[in-house]
Amino acid sequence: MQPSENKKGDGAKAVHGDEAKPGTDQTADGICPDCGGEGQVDGNTCPGCGGTGTVTVIVGDA
């Protein structure tokens, strides 16, 4: 996957843990640090990623 090819898609809604708006240049999906990519914390939907297990992270010098 290329850095700007965010699997959430350009129309994806930002979640709490995102460092930038999904689809922004020089971003990619990263594992959510709150849930470790599981999408849940203590049996509840992860507040950091909204249950997806991923967050948008900056990967370039943006």
PDB file of N, CA and C in Angstrom:
ATOM      1  N   MET A   1       0.855  -1.181   0.000  1.00  0.00           N
ATOM      2  CA  MET A   1       0.000   0.000   0.000  1.00  0.00           C
ATOM      3  C   MET A   1       0.894   1.236   0.000  1.00  0.00           C
ATOM      4  N   GLN A   2       0.587   2.162  -0.873  1.00  0.00           N
ATOM      5  CA  GLN A   2       1.325   3.419  -0.934  1.00  0.00           C
ATOM      6  C   GLN A   2       0.878   4.320   0.207  1.00  0.00           C
ATOM      7  N   PRO A   3       1.756   5.208   0.699  1.00  0.00           N
ATOM      8  CA  PRO A   3       1.411   6.067   1.836  1.00  0.00           C
ATOM      9  C   PRO A   3       0.103   6.832   1.693  1.00  0.00           C
ATOM     10  N   SER A   4      -0.235   7.315   0.497  1.00  0.00           N
ATOM     11  CA  SER A   4      -1.453   8.106   0.367  1.00  0.00           C
ATOM     12  C   SER A   4      -2.677   7.239   0.070  1.00  0.00           C
ATOM     13  N   GLU A   5      -2.504   5.916  -0.083  1.00  0.00           N
ATOM     14  CA  GLU A   5      -3.614   5.019  -0.346  1.00  0.00           C
ATOM     15  C   GLU A   5      -4.143   4.486   0.972  1.00  0.00           C
ATOM     16  N   ASN A   6      -5.036   5.227   1.559  1.00  0.00           N
ATOM     17  CA  ASN A   6      -5.577   4.899   2.869  1.00  0.00           C
ATOM     18  C   ASN A   6      -6.752   3.953   2.681  1.00  0.00           C
ATOM     19  N   LYS A   7      -6.720   2.760   3.299  1.00  0.00           N
ATOM     20  CA  LYS A   7      -7.787   1.787   3.080  1.00  0.00           C
ATOM     21  C   LYS A   7      -9.132   2.237   3.625  1.00  0.00           C
ATOM     22  N   LYS A   8      -9.160   3.274   4.451  1.00  0.00           N
ATOM     23  CA  LYS A   8     -10.425   3.819   4.929  1.00  0.00           C
ATOM     24  C   LYS A   8     -11.120   4.584   3.798  1.00  0.00           C
ATOM     25  N   GLY A   9     -10.368   5.017   2.806  1.00  0.00           N
ATOM     26  CA  GLY A   9     -10.926   5.747   1.677  1.00  0.00           C
ATOM     27  C   GLY A   9     -10.941   7.247   1.905  1.00  0.00           C
ATOM     28  N   ASP A  10     -10.954   7.979   0.815  1.00  0.00           N
ATOM     29  CA  ASP A  10     -10.916   9.435   0.893  1.00  0.00           C
ATOM     30  C   ASP A  10     -12.142  10.025   1.568  1.00  0.00           C
ATOM     31  N   GLY A  11     -13.276   9.319   1.520  1.00  0.00           N
ATOM     32  CA  GLY A  11     -14.487   9.830   2.133  1.00  0.00           C
ATOM     33  C   GLY A  11     -14.680   9.359   3.566  1.00  0.00           C
ATOM     34  N   ALA A  12     -13.665   8.706   4.111  1.00  0.00           N
ATOM     35  CA  ALA A  12     -13.789   8.151   5.460  1.00  0.00           C
ATOM     36  C   ALA A  12     -13.866   9.252   6.509  1.00  0.00           C
ATOM     37  N   LYS A  13     -14.591   8.957   7.553  1.00  0.00           N
ATOM     38  CA  LYS A  13     -14.743   9.881   8.668  1.00  0.00           C
ATOM     39  C   LYS A  13     -13.524   9.764   9.588  1.00  0.00           C
ATOM     40  N   ALA A  14     -12.995  10.885  10.014  1.00  0.00           N
ATOM     41  CA  ALA A  14     -11.863  10.886  10.930  1.00  0.00           C
ATOM     42  C   ALA A  14     -12.304  10.349  12.288  1.00  0.00           C
ATOM     43  N   VAL A  15     -11.385   9.663  12.960  1.00  0.00           N
ATOM     44  CA  VAL A  15     -11.640   9.167  14.307  1.00  0.00           C
ATOM     45  C   VAL A  15     -10.658   9.804  15.264  1.00  0.00           C
ATOM     46  N   HIS A  16     -10.918   9.683  16.545  1.00  0.00           N
ATOM     47  CA  HIS A  16     -10.142  10.329  17.599  1.00  0.00           C
ATOM     48  C   HIS A  16      -8.635  10.129  17.456  1.00  0.00           C
ATOM     49  N   GLY A  17      -8.183   8.939  17.121  1.00  0.00           N
ATOM     50  CA  GLY A  17      -6.759   8.642  17.084  1.00  0.00           C
ATOM     51  C   GLY A  17      -6.024   9.066  15.824  1.00  0.00           C
ATOM     52  N   ASP A  18      -6.736   9.570  14.819  1.00  0.00           N
ATOM     53  CA  ASP A  18      -6.093   9.979  13.571  1.00  0.00           C
ATOM     54  C   ASP A  18      -5.179  11.182  13.782  1.00  0.00           C
ATOM     55  N   GLU A  19      -4.000  11.129  13.146  1.00  0.00           N
ATOM     56  CA  GLU A  19      -3.078  12.256  13.183  1.00  0.00           C
ATOM     57  C   GLU A  19      -3.398  13.260  12.080  1.00  0.00           C
ATOM     58  N   ALA A  20      -4.118  12.819  11.058  1.00  0.00           N
ATOM     59  CA  ALA A  20      -4.505  13.665   9.931  1.00  0.00           C
ATOM     60  C   ALA A  20      -5.799  13.112   9.346  1.00  0.00           C
ATOM     61  N   LYS A  21      -6.457  13.894   8.499  1.00  0.00           N
ATOM     62  CA  LYS A  21      -7.687  13.463   7.848  1.00  0.00           C
ATOM     63  C   LYS A  21      -7.385  12.273   6.931  1.00  0.00           C
ATOM     64  N   PRO A  22      -8.192  11.212   6.992  1.00  0.00           N
ATOM     65  CA  PRO A  22      -7.978  10.074   6.097  1.00  0.00           C
ATOM     66  C   PRO A  22      -7.916  10.509   4.643  1.00  0.00           C
ATOM     67  N   GLY A  23      -6.956   9.961   3.892  1.00  0.00           N
ATOM     68  CA  GLY A  23      -6.785  10.290   2.487  1.00  0.00           C
ATOM     69  C   GLY A  23      -5.831  11.430   2.217  1.00  0.00           C
ATOM     70  N   THR A  24      -5.353  12.098   3.259  1.00  0.00           N
ATOM     71  CA  THR A  24      -4.403  13.192   3.103  1.00  0.00           C
ATOM     72  C   THR A  24      -3.088  12.649   2.557  1.00  0.00           C
ATOM     73  N   ASP A  25      -2.427  13.429   1.693  1.00  0.00           N
ATOM     74  CA  ASP A  25      -1.120  13.018   1.178  1.00  0.00           C
ATOM     75  C   ASP A  25      -0.169  12.736   2.330  1.00  0.00           C
ATOM     76  N   GLN A  26       0.720  11.793   2.126  1.00  0.00           N
ATOM     77  CA  GLN A  26       1.751  11.395   3.080  1.00  0.00           C
ATOM     78  C   GLN A  26       1.179  10.827   4.370  1.00  0.00           C
ATOM     79  N   THR A  27       0.045  10.119   4.241  1.00  0.00           N
ATOM     80  CA  THR A  27      -0.533   9.418   5.380  1.00  0.00           C
ATOM     81  C   THR A  27      -0.768   7.957   5.005  1.00  0.00           C
ATOM     82  N   ALA A  28      -0.924   7.131   6.000  1.00  0.00           N
ATOM     83  CA  ALA A  28      -1.235   5.719   5.799  1.00  0.00           C
ATOM     84  C   ALA A  28      -1.978   5.212   7.024  1.00  0.00           C
ATOM     85  N   ASP A  29      -2.519   4.014   6.911  1.00  0.00           N
ATOM     86  CA  ASP A  29      -3.148   3.374   8.062  1.00  0.00           C
ATOM     87  C   ASP A  29      -2.066   2.819   8.963  1.00  0.00           C
ATOM     88  N   GLY A  30      -2.237   3.024  10.248  1.00  0.00           N
ATOM     89  CA  GLY A  30      -1.344   2.452  11.236  1.00  0.00           C
ATOM     90  C   GLY A  30      -2.167   1.732  12.292  1.00  0.00           C
ATOM     91  N   ILE A  31      -1.538   0.842  13.010  1.00  0.00           N
ATOM     92  CA  ILE A  31      -2.228   0.114  14.071  1.00  0.00           C
ATOM     93  C   ILE A  31      -2.584   1.081  15.195  1.00  0.00           C
ATOM     94  N   CYS A  32      -3.805   1.001  15.652  1.00  0.00           N
ATOM     95  CA  CYS A  32      -4.268   1.867  16.730  1.00  0.00           C
ATOM     96  C   CYS A  32      -3.478   1.563  18.002  1.00  0.00           C
ATOM     97  N   PRO A  33      -2.866   2.577  18.601  1.00  0.00           N
ATOM     98  CA  PRO A  33      -2.095   2.342  19.816  1.00  0.00           C
ATOM     99  C   PRO A  33      -2.964   2.066  21.045  1.00  0.00           C
ATOM    100  N   ASP A  34      -4.235   2.441  20.981  1.00  0.00           N
ATOM    101  CA  ASP A  34      -5.124   2.234  22.124  1.00  0.00           C
ATOM    102  C   ASP A  34      -5.572   0.781  22.262  1.00  0.00           C
ATOM    103  N   CYS A  35      -5.803   0.106  21.125  1.00  0.00           N
ATOM    104  CA  CYS A  35      -6.315  -1.267  21.176  1.00  0.00           C
ATOM    105  C   CYS A  35      -5.374  -2.284  20.545  1.00  0.00           C
ATOM    106  N   GLY A  36      -4.252  -1.817  20.005  1.00  0.00           N
ATOM    107  CA  GLY A  36      -3.300  -2.730  19.379  1.00  0.00           C
ATOM    108  C   GLY A  36      -3.824  -3.375  18.113  1.00  0.00           C
ATOM    109  N   GLY A  37      -4.793  -2.747  17.474  1.00  0.00           N
ATOM    110  CA  GLY A  37      -5.345  -3.258  16.227  1.00  0.00           C
ATOM    111  C   GLY A  37      -6.548  -4.174  16.395  1.00  0.00           C
ATOM    112  N   GLU A  38      -6.965  -4.405  17.629  1.00  0.00           N
ATOM    113  CA  GLU A  38      -8.099  -5.297  17.892  1.00  0.00           C
ATOM    114  C   GLU A  38      -9.455  -4.636  17.659  1.00  0.00           C
ATOM    115  N   GLY A  39      -9.536  -3.320  17.786  1.00  0.00           N
ATOM    116  CA  GLY A  39     -10.802  -2.618  17.605  1.00  0.00           C
ATOM    117  C   GLY A  39     -11.660  -2.555  18.851  1.00  0.00           C
ATOM    118  N   GLN A  40     -11.211  -3.221  19.921  1.00  0.00           N
ATOM    119  CA  GLN A  40     -11.958  -3.210  21.170  1.00  0.00           C
ATOM    120  C   GLN A  40     -11.023  -3.032  22.353  1.00  0.00           C
ATOM    121  N   VAL A  41     -11.530  -2.373  23.379  1.00  0.00           N
ATOM    122  CA  VAL A  41     -10.812  -2.203  24.637  1.00  0.00           C
ATOM    123  C   VAL A  41     -11.773  -2.629  25.739  1.00  0.00           C
ATOM    124  N   ASP A  42     -11.388  -3.608  26.517  1.00  0.00           N
ATOM    125  CA  ASP A  42     -12.226  -4.117  27.608  1.00  0.00           C
ATOM    126  C   ASP A  42     -13.625  -4.500  27.134  1.00  0.00           C
ATOM    127  N   GLY A  43     -13.707  -5.094  25.932  1.00  0.00           N
ATOM    128  CA  GLY A  43     -14.994  -5.548  25.410  1.00  0.00           C
ATOM    129  C   GLY A  43     -15.856  -4.478  24.787  1.00  0.00           C
ATOM    130  N   ASN A  44     -15.366  -3.252  24.740  1.00  0.00           N
ATOM    131  CA  ASN A  44     -16.109  -2.137  24.146  1.00  0.00           C
ATOM    132  C   ASN A  44     -15.390  -1.636  22.900  1.00  0.00           C
ATOM    133  N   THR A  45     -16.129  -0.965  22.022  1.00  0.00           N
ATOM    134  CA  THR A  45     -15.528  -0.378  20.834  1.00  0.00           C
ATOM    135  C   THR A  45     -14.433   0.586  21.238  1.00  0.00           C
ATOM    136  N   CYS A  46     -13.279   0.467  20.611  1.00  0.00           N
ATOM    137  CA  CYS A  46     -12.141   1.323  20.931  1.00  0.00           C
ATOM    138  C   CYS A  46     -12.457   2.773  20.590  1.00  0.00           C
ATOM    139  N   PRO A  47     -12.260   3.688  21.545  1.00  0.00           N
ATOM    140  CA  PRO A  47     -12.520   5.098  21.271  1.00  0.00           C
ATOM    141  C   PRO A  47     -11.467   5.725  20.360  1.00  0.00           C
ATOM    142  N   GLY A  48     -10.289   5.136  20.281  1.00  0.00           N
ATOM    143  CA  GLY A  48      -9.210   5.695  19.471  1.00  0.00           C
ATOM    144  C   GLY A  48      -9.400   5.482  17.980  1.00  0.00           C
ATOM    145  N   CYS A  49      -9.961   4.332  17.595  1.00  0.00           N
ATOM    146  CA  CYS A  49     -10.095   4.010  16.173  1.00  0.00           C
ATOM    147  C   CYS A  49     -11.536   3.783  15.736  1.00  0.00           C
ATOM    148  N   GLY A  50     -12.461   3.850  16.673  1.00  0.00           N
ATOM    149  CA  GLY A  50     -13.860   3.626  16.338  1.00  0.00           C
ATOM    150  C   GLY A  50     -14.173   2.182  15.989  1.00  0.00           C
ATOM    151  N   GLY A  51     -13.293   1.258  16.386  1.00  0.00           N
ATOM    152  CA  GLY A  51     -13.527  -0.164  16.150  1.00  0.00           C
ATOM    153  C   GLY A  51     -12.857  -0.731  14.917  1.00  0.00           C
ATOM    154  N   THR A  52     -12.154   0.104  14.150  1.00  0.00           N
ATOM    155  CA  THR A  52     -11.505  -0.390  12.930  1.00  0.00           C
ATOM    156  C   THR A  52     -10.165  -1.058  13.202  1.00  0.00           C
ATOM    157  N   GLY A  53      -9.525  -0.701  14.300  1.00  0.00           N
ATOM    158  CA  GLY A  53      -8.199  -1.234  14.608  1.00  0.00           C
ATOM    159  C   GLY A  53      -7.074  -0.433  13.985  1.00  0.00           C
ATOM    160  N   THR A  54      -7.434   0.551  13.157  1.00  0.00           N
ATOM    161  CA  THR A  54      -6.412   1.385  12.521  1.00  0.00           C
ATOM    162  C   THR A  54      -6.722   2.861  12.702  1.00  0.00           C
ATOM    163  N   VAL A  55      -5.667   3.665  12.640  1.00  0.00           N
ATOM    164  CA  VAL A  55      -5.785   5.111  12.654  1.00  0.00           C
ATOM    165  C   VAL A  55      -4.929   5.667  11.525  1.00  0.00           C
ATOM    166  N   THR A  56      -5.216   6.861  11.085  1.00  0.00           N
ATOM    167  CA  THR A  56      -4.438   7.500  10.029  1.00  0.00           C
ATOM    168  C   THR A  56      -3.222   8.156  10.656  1.00  0.00           C
ATOM    169  N   VAL A  57      -2.029   7.796  10.165  1.00  0.00           N
ATOM    170  CA  VAL A  57      -0.791   8.350  10.688  1.00  0.00           C
ATOM    171  C   VAL A  57      -0.030   9.061   9.574  1.00  0.00           C
ATOM    172  N   ILE A  58       0.755  10.053   9.956  1.00  0.00           N
ATOM    173  CA  ILE A  58       1.596  10.779   9.010  1.00  0.00           C
ATOM    174  C   ILE A  58       2.866   9.965   8.803  1.00  0.00           C
ATOM    175  N   VAL A  59       3.208   9.691   7.550  1.00  0.00           N
ATOM    176  CA  VAL A  59       4.377   8.860   7.259  1.00  0.00           C
ATOM    177  C   VAL A  59       5.462   9.612   6.495  1.00  0.00           C
ATOM    178  N   GLY A  60       5.195  10.840   6.118  1.00  0.00           N
ATOM    179  CA  GLY A  60       6.174  11.623   5.383  1.00  0.00           C
ATOM    180  C   GLY A  60       6.612  12.816   6.183  1.00  0.00           C
ATOM    181  N   ASP A  61       7.174  13.772   5.508  1.00  0.00           N
ATOM    182  CA  ASP A  61       7.642  14.983   6.183  1.00  0.00           C
ATOM    183  C   ASP A  61       6.612  16.099   6.065  1.00  0.00           C
ATOM    184  N   ALA A  62       5.346  15.702   6.125  1.00  0.00           N
ATOM    185  CA  ALA A  62       4.239  16.650   5.964  1.00  0.00           C
ATOM    186  C   ALA A  62       4.190  17.657   7.095  1.00  0.00           C
TER     187      ALA A  62
END
